[in-house]
PDB file of N, CA and C in Angstrom:
ATOM      1  N   MET A   1      75.863 -12.467-170.171  1.00  0.00           N
ATOM      2  CA  MET A   1      75.796 -13.757-169.520  1.00  0.00           C
ATOM      3  C   MET A   1      76.915 -13.841-168.492  1.00  0.00           C
ATOM      4  N   GLY A   2      76.573 -14.107-167.275  1.00  0.00           N
ATOM      5  CA  GLY A   2      77.541 -14.161-166.193  1.00  0.00           C
ATOM      6  C   GLY A   2      78.277 -15.495-166.172  1.00  0.00           C
ATOM      7  N   PRO A   3      79.119 -15.673-165.174  1.00  0.00           N
ATOM      8  CA  PRO A   3      79.851 -16.935-165.070  1.00  0.00           C
ATOM      9  C   PRO A   3      78.886 -18.085-164.750  1.00  0.00           C
ATOM     10  N   LEU A   4      79.178 -19.224-165.340  1.00  0.00           N
ATOM     11  CA  LEU A   4      78.334 -20.396-165.118  1.00  0.00           C
ATOM     12  C   LEU A   4      78.659 -21.037-163.779  1.00  0.00           C
ATOM     13  N   ARG A   5      77.629 -21.393-163.056  1.00  0.00           N
ATOM     14  CA  ARG A   5      77.817 -22.100-161.794  1.00  0.00           C
ATOM     15  C   ARG A   5      77.662 -23.587-162.050  1.00  0.00           C
ATOM     16  N   ARG A   6      78.474 -24.375-161.389  1.00  0.00           N
ATOM     17  CA  ARG A   6      78.384 -25.823-161.528  1.00  0.00           C
ATOM     18  C   ARG A   6      77.288 -26.359-160.615  1.00  0.00           C
ATOM     19  N   LEU A   7      76.619 -27.370-161.115  1.00  0.00           N
ATOM     20  CA  LEU A   7      75.604 -28.030-160.296  1.00  0.00           C
ATOM     21  C   LEU A   7      76.279 -28.908-159.259  1.00  0.00           C
ATOM     22  N   PRO A   8      75.684 -29.029-158.091  1.00  0.00           N
ATOM     23  CA  PRO A   8      76.200 -30.004-157.122  1.00  0.00           C
ATOM     24  C   PRO A   8      76.080 -31.423-157.695  1.00  0.00           C
ATOM     25  N   ALA A   9      76.904 -32.321-157.206  1.00  0.00           N
ATOM     26  CA  ALA A   9      76.933 -33.697-157.721  1.00  0.00           C
ATOM     27  C   ALA A   9      75.573 -34.375-157.566  1.00  0.00           C
ATOM     28  N   ARG A  10      74.890 -34.100-156.471  1.00  0.00           N
ATOM     29  CA  ARG A  10      73.576 -34.720-156.241  1.00  0.00           C
ATOM     30  C   ARG A  10      72.577 -34.283-157.305  1.00  0.00           C
ATOM     31  N   GLU A  11      72.564 -33.004-157.609  1.00  0.00           N
ATOM     32  CA  GLU A  11      71.634 -32.482-158.619  1.00  0.00           C
ATOM     33  C   GLU A  11      71.992 -32.983-160.018  1.00  0.00           C
ATOM     34  N   THR A  12      73.270 -33.111-160.295  1.00  0.00           N
ATOM     35  CA  THR A  12      73.699 -33.638-161.592  1.00  0.00           C
ATOM     36  C   THR A  12      73.261 -35.087-161.748  1.00  0.00           C
ATOM     37  N   ALA A  13      73.492 -35.881-160.718  1.00  0.00           N
ATOM     38  CA  ALA A  13      73.082 -37.291-160.767  1.00  0.00           C
ATOM     39  C   ALA A  13      71.569 -37.415-160.894  1.00  0.00           C
ATOM     40  N   LEU A  14      70.831 -36.577-160.189  1.00  0.00           N
ATOM     41  CA  LEU A  14      69.364 -36.593-160.257  1.00  0.00           C
ATOM     42  C   LEU A  14      68.882 -36.237-161.659  1.00  0.00           C
ATOM     43  N   ALA A  15      69.516 -35.254-162.282  1.00  0.00           N
ATOM     44  CA  ALA A  15      69.120 -34.848-163.634  1.00  0.00           C
ATOM     45  C   ALA A  15      69.385 -35.962-164.651  1.00  0.00           C
ATOM     46  N   TRP A  16      70.548 -36.589-164.554  1.00  0.00           N
ATOM     47  CA  TRP A  16      70.860 -37.660-165.516  1.00  0.00           C
ATOM     48  C   TRP A  16      70.025 -38.906-165.268  1.00  0.00           C
ATOM     49  N   TYR A  17      69.759 -39.234-164.003  1.00  0.00           N
ATOM     50  CA  TYR A  17      68.889 -40.372-163.713  1.00  0.00           C
ATOM     51  C   TYR A  17      67.478 -40.094-164.220  1.00  0.00           C
ATOM     52  N   GLY A  18      67.013 -38.882-164.055  1.00  0.00           N
ATOM     53  CA  GLY A  18      65.688 -38.525-164.555  1.00  0.00           C
ATOM     54  C   GLY A  18      65.598 -38.617-166.062  1.00  0.00           C
ATOM     55  N   ALA A  19      66.656 -38.231-166.748  1.00  0.00           N
ATOM     56  CA  ALA A  19      66.629 -38.241-168.209  1.00  0.00           C
ATOM     57  C   ALA A  19      66.823 -39.636-168.793  1.00  0.00           C
ATOM     58  N   LEU A  20      67.676 -40.452-168.184  1.00  0.00           N
ATOM     59  CA  LEU A  20      68.032 -41.736-168.788  1.00  0.00           C
ATOM     60  C   LEU A  20      67.573 -42.962-167.999  1.00  0.00           C
ATOM     61  N   GLY A  21      67.045 -42.772-166.807  1.00  0.00           N
ATOM     62  CA  GLY A  21      66.640 -43.910-165.981  1.00  0.00           C
ATOM     63  C   GLY A  21      65.493 -44.711-166.559  1.00  0.00           C
ATOM     64  N   GLY A  22      64.543 -44.035-167.194  1.00  0.00           N
ATOM     65  CA  GLY A  22      63.387 -44.730-167.759  1.00  0.00           C
ATOM     66  C   GLY A  22      63.765 -45.650-168.894  1.00  0.00           C
ATOM     67  N   ILE A  23      64.552 -45.152-169.821  1.00  0.00           N
ATOM     68  CA  ILE A  23      64.942 -45.990-170.954  1.00  0.00           C
ATOM     69  C   ILE A  23      65.894 -47.097-170.508  1.00  0.00           C
ATOM     70  N   GLY A  24      66.728 -46.811-169.529  1.00  0.00           N
ATOM     71  CA  GLY A  24      67.613 -47.854-169.002  1.00  0.00           C
ATOM     72  C   GLY A  24      66.832 -48.991-168.358  1.00  0.00           C
ATOM     73  N   ALA A  25      65.810 -48.641-167.581  1.00  0.00           N
ATOM     74  CA  ALA A  25      64.974 -49.664-166.950  1.00  0.00           C
ATOM     75  C   ALA A  25      64.226 -50.474-168.001  1.00  0.00           C
ATOM     76  N   TRP A  26      63.723 -49.801-169.035  1.00  0.00           N
ATOM     77  CA  TRP A  26      63.005 -50.522-170.083  1.00  0.00           C
ATOM     78  C   TRP A  26      63.927 -51.453-170.847  1.00  0.00           C
ATOM     79  N   ILE A  27      65.126 -50.999-171.202  1.00  0.00           N
ATOM     80  CA  ILE A  27      66.081 -51.855-171.922  1.00  0.00           C
ATOM     81  C   ILE A  27      66.417 -53.082-171.087  1.00  0.00           C
ATOM     82  N   LEU A  28      66.662 -52.893-169.813  1.00  0.00           N
ATOM     83  CA  LEU A  28      66.976 -54.024-168.929  1.00  0.00           C
ATOM     84  C   LEU A  28      65.788 -54.976-168.836  1.00  0.00           C
ATOM     85  N   HIS A  29      64.579 -54.448-168.704  1.00  0.00           N
ATOM     86  CA  HIS A  29      63.393 -55.300-168.607  1.00  0.00           C
ATOM     87  C   HIS A  29      63.158 -56.059-169.909  1.00  0.00           C
ATOM     88  N   PHE A  30      63.265 -55.379-171.019  1.00  0.00           N
ATOM     89  CA  PHE A  30      63.037 -56.008-172.322  1.00  0.00           C
ATOM     90  C   PHE A  30      64.056 -57.125-172.562  1.00  0.00           C
ATOM     91  N   THR A  31      65.316 -56.847-172.300  1.00  0.00           N
ATOM     92  CA  THR A  31      66.373 -57.832-172.529  1.00  0.00           C
ATOM     93  C   THR A  31      66.233 -59.024-171.581  1.00  0.00           C
ATOM     94  N   ALA A  32      66.015 -58.753-170.304  1.00  0.00           N
ATOM     95  CA  ALA A  32      65.882 -59.853-169.332  1.00  0.00           C
ATOM     96  C   ALA A  32      64.640 -60.689-169.626  1.00  0.00           C
ATOM     97  N   GLY A  33      63.532 -60.037-169.971  1.00  0.00           N
ATOM     98  CA  GLY A  33      62.320 -60.785-170.305  1.00  0.00           C
ATOM     99  C   GLY A  33      62.514 -61.671-171.524  1.00  0.00           C
ATOM    100  N   TYR A  34      63.211 -61.143-172.517  1.00  0.00           N
ATOM    101  CA  TYR A  34      63.467 -61.934-173.724  1.00  0.00           C
ATOM    102  C   TYR A  34      64.318 -63.155-173.404  1.00  0.00           C
ATOM    103  N   TRP A  35      65.409 -62.955-172.675  1.00  0.00           N
ATOM    104  CA  TRP A  35      66.303 -64.082-172.404  1.00  0.00           C
ATOM    105  C   TRP A  35      65.681 -65.095-171.448  1.00  0.00           C
ATOM    106  N   TYR A  36      64.892 -64.642-170.476  1.00  0.00           N
ATOM    107  CA  TYR A  36      64.200 -65.594-169.608  1.00  0.00           C
ATOM    108  C   TYR A  36      63.188 -66.413-170.412  1.00  0.00           C
ATOM    109  N   ALA A  37      62.465 -65.782-171.307  1.00  0.00           N
ATOM    110  CA  ALA A  37      61.490 -66.503-172.131  1.00  0.00           C
ATOM    111  C   ALA A  37      62.183 -67.476-173.072  1.00  0.00           C
ATOM    112  N   GLU A  38      63.281 -67.064-173.677  1.00  0.00           N
ATOM    113  CA  GLU A  38      64.026 -67.965-174.568  1.00  0.00           C
ATOM    114  C   GLU A  38      64.565 -69.163-173.798  1.00  0.00           C
ATOM    115  N   GLY A  39      65.100 -68.920-172.628  1.00  0.00           N
ATOM    116  CA  GLY A  39      65.628 -70.014-171.816  1.00  0.00           C
ATOM    117  C   GLY A  39      64.541 -70.967-171.357  1.00  0.00           C
ATOM    118  N   ALA A  40      63.387 -70.426-171.008  1.00  0.00           N
ATOM    119  CA  ALA A  40      62.294 -71.281-170.560  1.00  0.00           C
ATOM    120  C   ALA A  40      61.731 -72.094-171.709  1.00  0.00           C
ATOM    121  N   CYS A  41      61.691 -71.523-172.913  1.00  0.00           N
ATOM    122  CA  CYS A  41      61.139 -72.258-174.049  1.00  0.00           C
ATOM    123  C   CYS A  41      62.063 -73.391-174.501  1.00  0.00           C
ATOM    124  N   SER A  42      63.342 -73.270-174.223  1.00  0.00           N
ATOM    125  CA  SER A  42      64.249 -74.358-174.588  1.00  0.00           C
ATOM    126  C   SER A  42      64.179 -75.503-173.586  1.00  0.00           C
ATOM    127  N   ASN A  43      63.572 -75.266-172.434  1.00  0.00           N
ATOM    128  CA  ASN A  43      63.396 -76.283-171.410  1.00  0.00           C
ATOM    129  C   ASN A  43      61.921 -76.277-171.015  1.00  0.00           C
ATOM    130  N   ALA A  44      61.191 -77.291-171.425  1.00  0.00           N
ATOM    131  CA  ALA A  44      59.742 -77.315-171.223  1.00  0.00           C
ATOM    132  C   ALA A  44      59.344 -77.247-169.748  1.00  0.00           C
ATOM    133  N   ASN A  45      60.182 -77.713-168.851  1.00  0.00           N
ATOM    134  CA  ASN A  45      59.850 -77.691-167.428  1.00  0.00           C
ATOM    135  C   ASN A  45      59.999 -76.314-166.807  1.00  0.00           C
ATOM    136  N   ALA A  46      60.703 -75.411-167.463  1.00  0.00           N
ATOM    137  CA  ALA A  46      60.992 -74.108-166.866  1.00  0.00           C
ATOM    138  C   ALA A  46      59.995 -73.025-167.246  1.00  0.00           C
ATOM    139  N   VAL A  47      59.010 -73.337-168.081  1.00  0.00           N
ATOM    140  CA  VAL A  47      58.079 -72.299-168.536  1.00  0.00           C
ATOM    141  C   VAL A  47      57.323 -71.676-167.373  1.00  0.00           C
ATOM    142  N   ALA A  48      56.849 -72.462-166.447  1.00  0.00           N
ATOM    143  CA  ALA A  48      56.086 -71.930-165.311  1.00  0.00           C
ATOM    144  C   ALA A  48      56.970 -71.156-164.340  1.00  0.00           C
ATOM    145  N   SER A  49      58.262 -71.412-164.359  1.00  0.00           N
ATOM    146  CA  SER A  49      59.144 -70.752-163.397  1.00  0.00           C
ATOM    147  C   SER A  49      59.517 -69.332-163.804  1.00  0.00           C
ATOM    148  N   ILE A  50      59.227 -68.916-165.040  1.00  0.00           N
ATOM    149  CA  ILE A  50      59.610 -67.556-165.414  1.00  0.00           C
ATOM    150  C   ILE A  50      58.583 -66.519-164.977  1.00  0.00           C
ATOM    151  N   GLU A  51      57.357 -66.935-164.721  1.00  0.00           N
ATOM    152  CA  GLU A  51      56.332 -65.956-164.345  1.00  0.00           C
ATOM    153  C   GLU A  51      56.685 -65.170-163.083  1.00  0.00           C
ATOM    154  N   PRO A  52      57.116 -65.810-161.983  1.00  0.00           N
ATOM    155  CA  PRO A  52      57.481 -65.011-160.804  1.00  0.00           C
ATOM    156  C   PRO A  52      58.685 -64.101-161.066  1.00  0.00           C
ATOM    157  N   VAL A  53      59.628 -64.561-161.879  1.00  0.00           N
ATOM    158  CA  VAL A  53      60.803 -63.753-162.186  1.00  0.00           C
ATOM    159  C   VAL A  53      60.394 -62.523-162.982  1.00  0.00           C
ATOM    160  N   VAL A  54      59.555 -62.719-163.982  1.00  0.00           N
ATOM    161  CA  VAL A  54      59.127 -61.598-164.819  1.00  0.00           C
ATOM    162  C   VAL A  54      58.256 -60.628-164.032  1.00  0.00           C
ATOM    163  N   ILE A  55      57.401 -61.132-163.179  1.00  0.00           N
ATOM    164  CA  ILE A  55      56.572 -60.259-162.353  1.00  0.00           C
ATOM    165  C   ILE A  55      57.458 -59.443-161.404  1.00  0.00           C
ATOM    166  N   GLY A  56      58.439 -60.089-160.805  1.00  0.00           N
ATOM    167  CA  GLY A  56      59.375 -59.367-159.934  1.00  0.00           C
ATOM    168  C   GLY A  56      60.161 -58.305-160.679  1.00  0.00           C
ATOM    169  N   LEU A  57      60.661 -58.670-161.862  1.00  0.00           N
ATOM    170  CA  LEU A  57      61.374 -57.688-162.687  1.00  0.00           C
ATOM    171  C   LEU A  57      60.466 -56.531-163.080  1.00  0.00           C
ATOM    172  N   THR A  58      59.227 -56.839-163.415  1.00  0.00           N
ATOM    173  CA  THR A  58      58.291 -55.797-163.819  1.00  0.00           C
ATOM    174  C   THR A  58      58.035 -54.821-162.674  1.00  0.00           C
ATOM    175  N   VAL A  59      57.852 -55.336-161.475  1.00  0.00           N
ATOM    176  CA  VAL A  59      57.592 -54.468-160.328  1.00  0.00           C
ATOM    177  C   VAL A  59      58.819 -53.614-160.003  1.00  0.00           C
ATOM    178  N   VAL A  60      59.990 -54.239-159.929  1.00  0.00           N
ATOM    179  CA  VAL A  60      61.202 -53.510-159.549  1.00  0.00           C
ATOM    180  C   VAL A  60      61.595 -52.487-160.611  1.00  0.00           C
ATOM    181  N   LEU A  61      61.634 -52.910-161.868  1.00  0.00           N
ATOM    182  CA  LEU A  61      62.062 -51.993-162.921  1.00  0.00           C
ATOM    183  C   LEU A  61      60.976 -50.967-163.260  1.00  0.00           C
ATOM    184  N   GLY A  62      59.709 -51.327-163.096  1.00  0.00           N
ATOM    185  CA  GLY A  62      58.642 -50.340-163.260  1.00  0.00           C
ATOM    186  C   GLY A  62      58.734 -49.254-162.199  1.00  0.00           C
ATOM    187  N   ALA A  63      59.054 -49.650-160.975  1.00  0.00           N
ATOM    188  CA  ALA A  63      59.234 -48.663-159.905  1.00  0.00           C
ATOM    189  C   ALA A  63      60.461 -47.791-160.170  1.00  0.00           C
ATOM    190  N   ALA A  64      61.544 -48.395-160.644  1.00  0.00           N
ATOM    191  CA  ALA A  64      62.743 -47.614-160.969  1.00  0.00           C
ATOM    192  C   ALA A  64      62.453 -46.613-162.082  1.00  0.00           C
ATOM    193  N   CYS A  65      61.668 -47.022-163.052  1.00  0.00           N
ATOM    194  CA  CYS A  65      61.300 -46.133-164.155  1.00  0.00           C
ATOM    195  C   CYS A  65      60.408 -45.001-163.655  1.00  0.00           C
ATOM    196  N   ALA A  66      59.442 -45.321-162.822  1.00  0.00           N
ATOM    197  CA  ALA A  66      58.569 -44.286-162.271  1.00  0.00           C
ATOM    198  C   ALA A  66      59.352 -43.308-161.387  1.00  0.00           C
ATOM    199  N   LEU A  67      60.323 -43.825-160.635  1.00  0.00           N
ATOM    200  CA  LEU A  67      61.148 -42.948-159.808  1.00  0.00           C
ATOM    201  C   LEU A  67      62.038 -42.045-160.657  1.00  0.00           C
ATOM    202  N   SER A  68      62.431 -42.529-161.833  1.00  0.00           N
ATOM    203  CA  SER A  68      63.196 -41.640-162.719  1.00  0.00           C
ATOM    204  C   SER A  68      62.314 -40.494-163.199  1.00  0.00           C
ATOM    205  N   GLY A  69      61.031 -40.755-163.365  1.00  0.00           N
ATOM    206  CA  GLY A  69      60.108 -39.681-163.708  1.00  0.00           C
ATOM    207  C   GLY A  69      59.971 -38.657-162.589  1.00  0.00           C
ATOM    208  N   VAL A  70      59.973 -39.131-161.354  1.00  0.00           N
ATOM    209  CA  VAL A  70      59.924 -38.219-160.209  1.00  0.00           C
ATOM    210  C   VAL A  70      61.204 -37.375-160.153  1.00  0.00           C
ATOM    211  N   ALA A  71      62.343 -38.012-160.400  1.00  0.00           N
ATOM    212  CA  ALA A  71      63.615 -37.284-160.425  1.00  0.00           C
ATOM    213  C   ALA A  71      63.632 -36.247-161.551  1.00  0.00           C
ATOM    214  N   ALA A  72      63.106 -36.633-162.711  1.00  0.00           N
ATOM    215  CA  ALA A  72      63.042 -35.695-163.834  1.00  0.00           C
ATOM    216  C   ALA A  72      62.118 -34.529-163.517  1.00  0.00           C
ATOM    217  N   PHE A  73      61.005 -34.800-162.860  1.00  0.00           N
ATOM    218  CA  PHE A  73      60.079 -33.735-162.484  1.00  0.00           C
ATOM    219  C   PHE A  73      60.726 -32.777-161.487  1.00  0.00           C
ATOM    220  N   ALA A  74      61.479 -33.337-160.538  1.00  0.00           N
ATOM    221  CA  ALA A  74      62.174 -32.484-159.566  1.00  0.00           C
ATOM    222  C   ALA A  74      63.208 -31.597-160.261  1.00  0.00           C
ATOM    223  N   THR A  75      63.899 -32.142-161.251  1.00  0.00           N
ATOM    224  CA  THR A  75      64.864 -31.351-162.014  1.00  0.00           C
ATOM    225  C   THR A  75      64.158 -30.265-162.801  1.00  0.00           C
ATOM    226  N   TRP A  76      63.062 -30.612-163.422  1.00  0.00           N
ATOM    227  CA  TRP A  76      62.289 -29.661-164.222  1.00  0.00           C
ATOM    228  C   TRP A  76      61.778 -28.517-163.351  1.00  0.00           C
ATOM    229  N   ARG A  77      61.192 -28.868-162.203  1.00  0.00           N
ATOM    230  CA  ARG A  77      60.651 -27.846-161.314  1.00  0.00           C
ATOM    231  C   ARG A  77      61.767 -26.994-160.700  1.00  0.00           C
ATOM    232  N   GLY A  78      62.886 -27.611-160.362  1.00  0.00           N
ATOM    233  CA  GLY A  78      64.003 -26.855-159.809  1.00  0.00           C
ATOM    234  C   GLY A  78      64.573 -25.863-160.807  1.00  0.00           C
ATOM    235  N   SER A  79      64.600 -26.258-162.055  1.00  0.00           N
ATOM    236  CA  SER A  79      65.081 -25.356-163.102  1.00  0.00           C
ATOM    237  C   SER A  79      64.085 -24.232-163.360  1.00  0.00           C
ATOM    238  N   SER A  80      62.817 -24.576-163.374  1.00  0.00           N
ATOM    239  CA  SER A  80      61.784 -23.568-163.653  1.00  0.00           C
ATOM    240  C   SER A  80      61.654 -22.544-162.532  1.00  0.00           C
ATOM    241  N   SER A  81      61.879 -22.970-161.310  1.00  0.00           N
ATOM    242  CA  SER A  81      61.737 -22.049-160.174  1.00  0.00           C
ATOM    243  C   SER A  81      62.988 -21.217-159.933  1.00  0.00           C
ATOM    244  N   GLY A  82      64.079 -21.519-160.611  1.00  0.00           N
ATOM    245  CA  GLY A  82      65.308 -20.766-160.424  1.00  0.00           C
ATOM    246  C   GLY A  82      66.200 -21.306-159.329  1.00  0.00           C
ATOM    247  N   ARG A  83      65.791 -22.398-158.693  1.00  0.00           N
ATOM    248  CA  ARG A  83      66.608 -22.994-157.635  1.00  0.00           C
ATOM    249  C   ARG A  83      67.886 -23.599-158.196  1.00  0.00           C
ATOM    250  N   LEU A  84      67.825 -24.118-159.422  1.00  0.00           N
ATOM    251  CA  LEU A  84      68.999 -24.681-160.090  1.00  0.00           C
ATOM    252  C   LEU A  84      69.491 -23.704-161.152  1.00  0.00           C
ATOM    253  N   PRO A  85      70.798 -23.507-161.238  1.00  0.00           N
ATOM    254  CA  PRO A  85      71.308 -22.610-162.274  1.00  0.00           C
ATOM    255  C   PRO A  85      71.144 -23.247-163.656  1.00  0.00           C
ATOM    256  N   ASP A  86      70.359 -22.583-164.492  1.00  0.00           N
ATOM    257  CA  ASP A  86      70.055 -23.141-165.812  1.00  0.00           C
ATOM    258  C   ASP A  86      69.844 -22.005-166.809  1.00  0.00           C
ATOM    259  N   PRO A  87      70.910 -21.280-167.170  1.00  0.00           N
ATOM    260  CA  PRO A  87      70.716 -20.114-168.029  1.00  0.00           C
ATOM    261  C   PRO A  87      70.252 -20.459-169.442  1.00  0.00           C
ATOM    262  N   ARG A  88      70.519 -21.627-169.928  1.00  0.00           N
ATOM    263  CA  ARG A  88      70.116 -21.995-171.293  1.00  0.00           C
ATOM    264  C   ARG A  88      68.969 -23.002-171.322  1.00  0.00           C
ATOM    265  N   ASN A  89      68.340 -23.245-170.210  1.00  0.00           N
ATOM    266  CA  ASN A  89      67.196 -24.157-170.075  1.00  0.00           C
ATOM    267  C   ASN A  89      67.504 -25.594-170.462  1.00  0.00           C
ATOM    268  N   ARG A  90      68.717 -26.010-170.288  1.00  0.00           N
ATOM    269  CA  ARG A  90      69.081 -27.400-170.587  1.00  0.00           C
ATOM    270  C   ARG A  90      68.482 -28.360-169.566  1.00  0.00           C
ATOM    271  N   LEU A  91      68.521 -27.954-168.295  1.00  0.00           N
ATOM    272  CA  LEU A  91      67.942 -28.814-167.260  1.00  0.00           C
ATOM    273  C   LEU A  91      66.437 -28.920-167.405  1.00  0.00           C
ATOM    274  N   ALA A  92      65.805 -27.838-167.814  1.00  0.00           N
ATOM    275  CA  ALA A  92      64.361 -27.888-168.028  1.00  0.00           C
ATOM    276  C   ALA A  92      64.023 -28.862-169.146  1.00  0.00           C
ATOM    277  N   LEU A  93      64.817 -28.866-170.206  1.00  0.00           N
ATOM    278  CA  LEU A  93      64.606 -29.814-171.298  1.00  0.00           C
ATOM    279  C   LEU A  93      64.841 -31.244-170.834  1.00  0.00           C
ATOM    280  N   MET A  94      65.929 -31.463-170.085  1.00  0.00           N
ATOM    281  CA  MET A  94      66.194 -32.812-169.571  1.00  0.00           C
ATOM    282  C   MET A  94      65.053 -33.281-168.673  1.00  0.00           C
ATOM    283  N   GLY A  95      64.553 -32.391-167.833  1.00  0.00           N
ATOM    284  CA  GLY A  95      63.465 -32.761-166.931  1.00  0.00           C
ATOM    285  C   GLY A  95      62.177 -33.072-167.669  1.00  0.00           C
ATOM    286  N   ALA A  96      61.811 -32.215-168.614  1.00  0.00           N
ATOM    287  CA  ALA A  96      60.569 -32.446-169.358  1.00  0.00           C
ATOM    288  C   ALA A  96      60.659 -33.712-170.202  1.00  0.00           C
ATOM    289  N   ALA A  97      61.796 -33.923-170.860  1.00  0.00           N
ATOM    290  CA  ALA A  97      61.972 -35.140-171.660  1.00  0.00           C
ATOM    291  C   ALA A  97      61.989 -36.378-170.768  1.00  0.00           C
ATOM    292  N   GLY A  98      62.593 -36.264-169.592  1.00  0.00           N
ATOM    293  CA  GLY A  98      62.628 -37.384-168.660  1.00  0.00           C
ATOM    294  C   GLY A  98      61.251 -37.758-168.139  1.00  0.00           C
ATOM    295  N   VAL A  99      60.411 -36.761-167.878  1.00  0.00           N
ATOM    296  CA  VAL A  99      59.038 -37.040-167.429  1.00  0.00           C
ATOM    297  C   VAL A  99      58.272 -37.763-168.532  1.00  0.00           C
ATOM    298  N   ALA A 100      58.374 -37.257-169.764  1.00  0.00           N
ATOM    299  CA  ALA A 100      57.674 -37.898-170.885  1.00  0.00           C
ATOM    300  C   ALA A 100      58.189 -39.318-171.111  1.00  0.00           C
ATOM    301  N   ALA A 101      59.503 -39.498-171.051  1.00  0.00           N
ATOM    302  CA  ALA A 101      60.084 -40.830-171.253  1.00  0.00           C
ATOM    303  C   ALA A 101      59.662 -41.786-170.137  1.00  0.00           C
ATOM    304  N   ALA A 102      59.616 -41.305-168.912  1.00  0.00           N
ATOM    305  CA  ALA A 102      59.225 -42.171-167.801  1.00  0.00           C
ATOM    306  C   ALA A 102      57.786 -42.650-167.950  1.00  0.00           C
ATOM    307  N   ILE A 103      56.910 -41.787-168.427  1.00  0.00           N
ATOM    308  CA  ILE A 103      55.515 -42.200-168.632  1.00  0.00           C
ATOM    309  C   ILE A 103      55.441 -43.285-169.703  1.00  0.00           C
ATOM    310  N   VAL A 104      56.099 -43.048-170.820  1.00  0.00           N
ATOM    311  CA  VAL A 104      56.059 -44.005-171.931  1.00  0.00           C
ATOM    312  C   VAL A 104      56.698 -45.331-171.541  1.00  0.00           C
ATOM    313  N   PHE A 105      57.884 -45.287-170.934  1.00  0.00           N
ATOM    314  CA  PHE A 105      58.601 -46.521-170.642  1.00  0.00           C
ATOM    315  C   PHE A 105      58.026 -47.273-169.446  1.00  0.00           C
ATOM    316  N   THR A 106      57.425 -46.589-168.489  1.00  0.00           N
ATOM    317  CA  THR A 106      56.727 -47.310-167.410  1.00  0.00           C
ATOM    318  C   THR A 106      55.540 -48.079-167.992  1.00  0.00           C
ATOM    319  N   PHE A 107      54.810 -47.437-168.890  1.00  0.00           N
ATOM    320  CA  PHE A 107      53.700 -48.106-169.569  1.00  0.00           C
ATOM    321  C   PHE A 107      54.210 -49.308-170.367  1.00  0.00           C
ATOM    322  N   ALA A 108      55.329 -49.157-171.064  1.00  0.00           N
ATOM    323  CA  ALA A 108      55.897 -50.264-171.848  1.00  0.00           C
ATOM    324  C   ALA A 108      56.336 -51.416-170.949  1.00  0.00           C
ATOM    325  N   ILE A 109      56.943 -51.116-169.819  1.00  0.00           N
ATOM    326  CA  ILE A 109      57.378 -52.163-168.889  1.00  0.00           C
ATOM    327  C   ILE A 109      56.176 -52.934-168.362  1.00  0.00           C
ATOM    328  N   VAL A 110      55.126 -52.225-167.987  1.00  0.00           N
ATOM    329  CA  VAL A 110      53.931 -52.894-167.471  1.00  0.00           C
ATOM    330  C   VAL A 110      53.299 -53.776-168.556  1.00  0.00           C
ATOM    331  N   LEU A 111      53.200 -53.261-169.773  1.00  0.00           N
ATOM    332  CA  LEU A 111      52.619 -54.060-170.863  1.00  0.00           C
ATOM    333  C   LEU A 111      53.460 -55.292-171.174  1.00  0.00           C
ATOM    334  N   GLU A 112      54.777 -55.147-171.176  1.00  0.00           N
ATOM    335  CA  GLU A 112      55.634 -56.307-171.418  1.00  0.00           C
ATOM    336  C   GLU A 112      55.504 -57.330-170.299  1.00  0.00           C
ATOM    337  N   GLY A 113      55.401 -56.861-169.064  1.00  0.00           N
ATOM    338  CA  GLY A 113      55.233 -57.792-167.944  1.00  0.00           C
ATOM    339  C   GLY A 113      53.927 -58.557-168.043  1.00  0.00           C
ATOM    340  N   ILE A 114      52.865 -57.875-168.446  1.00  0.00           N
ATOM    341  CA  ILE A 114      51.577 -58.547-168.632  1.00  0.00           C
ATOM    342  C   ILE A 114      51.665 -59.563-169.760  1.00  0.00           C
ATOM    343  N   GLN A 115      52.291 -59.158-170.857  1.00  0.00           N
ATOM    344  CA  GLN A 115      52.388 -60.044-172.023  1.00  0.00           C
ATOM    345  C   GLN A 115      53.167 -61.307-171.695  1.00  0.00           C
ATOM    346  N   VAL A 116      54.309 -61.175-171.048  1.00  0.00           N
ATOM    347  CA  VAL A 116      55.123 -62.354-170.741  1.00  0.00           C
ATOM    348  C   VAL A 116      54.470 -63.200-169.652  1.00  0.00           C
ATOM    349  N   SER A 117      53.775 -62.575-168.706  1.00  0.00           N
ATOM    350  CA  SER A 117      53.168 -63.313-167.603  1.00  0.00           C
ATOM    351  C   SER A 117      51.895 -64.044-167.994  1.00  0.00           C
ATOM    352  N   LEU A 118      51.093 -63.447-168.842  1.00  0.00           N
ATOM    353  CA  LEU A 118      49.767 -64.008-169.115  1.00  0.00           C
ATOM    354  C   LEU A 118      49.674 -64.810-170.418  1.00  0.00           C
ATOM    355  N   LEU A 119      50.462 -64.457-171.390  1.00  0.00           N
ATOM    356  CA  LEU A 119      50.363 -65.147-172.671  1.00  0.00           C
ATOM    357  C   LEU A 119      51.374 -66.291-172.750  1.00  0.00           C
ATOM    358  N   ASP A 120      51.120 -67.197-173.652  1.00  0.00           N
ATOM    359  CA  ASP A 120      52.038 -68.327-173.850  1.00  0.00           C
ATOM    360  C   ASP A 120      53.256 -67.831-174.608  1.00  0.00           C
ATOM    361  N   VAL A 121      54.389 -67.769-173.920  1.00  0.00           N
ATOM    362  CA  VAL A 121      55.583 -67.208-174.528  1.00  0.00           C
ATOM    363  C   VAL A 121      56.255 -68.167-175.493  1.00  0.00           C
ATOM    364  N   CYS A 122      55.877 -69.439-175.457  1.00  0.00           N
ATOM    365  CA  CYS A 122      56.521 -70.426-176.309  1.00  0.00           C
ATOM    366  C   CYS A 122      55.666 -70.833-177.509  1.00  0.00           C
ATOM    367  N   ALA A 123      54.595 -70.118-177.768  1.00  0.00           N
ATOM    368  CA  ALA A 123      53.725 -70.454-178.885  1.00  0.00           C
ATOM    369  C   ALA A 123      54.439 -70.196-180.209  1.00  0.00           C
ATOM    370  N   GLN A 124      54.343 -71.162-181.117  1.00  0.00           N
ATOM    371  CA  GLN A 124      54.916 -71.006-182.448  1.00  0.00           C
ATOM    372  C   GLN A 124      53.959 -70.235-183.325  1.00  0.00           C
ATOM    373  N   SER A 125      54.480 -69.355-184.151  1.00  0.00           N
ATOM    374  CA  SER A 125      53.591 -68.564-185.017  1.00  0.00           C
ATOM    375  C   SER A 125      53.288 -69.262-186.314  1.00  0.00           C
TER     376      SER A 125
END
């Protein structure tokens, strides 16, 4: 095994964004959607005002999550083609896991946006 080469900062940032960007976007969307719904339910006049906010969050964070999948795919392909130094296939694992996570979490963000936008968020069970 020869000497390890360091990745450029751009490639390192791309790999980490690809691996963790999807779950970060989902956590932010889930938390913001929950707190907006809780705040609107405590004020009966604000229920209609959360729909545009949640739709905007869903579009922005869904796009950020999908872009993390693109970044993960670029990392995966760069590692597989030999363009990125990856003697132990760590970048390939990060890329493949990031692509899978981006698919799952983009789907989750879209479903949460639909649920908060279309259903009555203040209904008592």
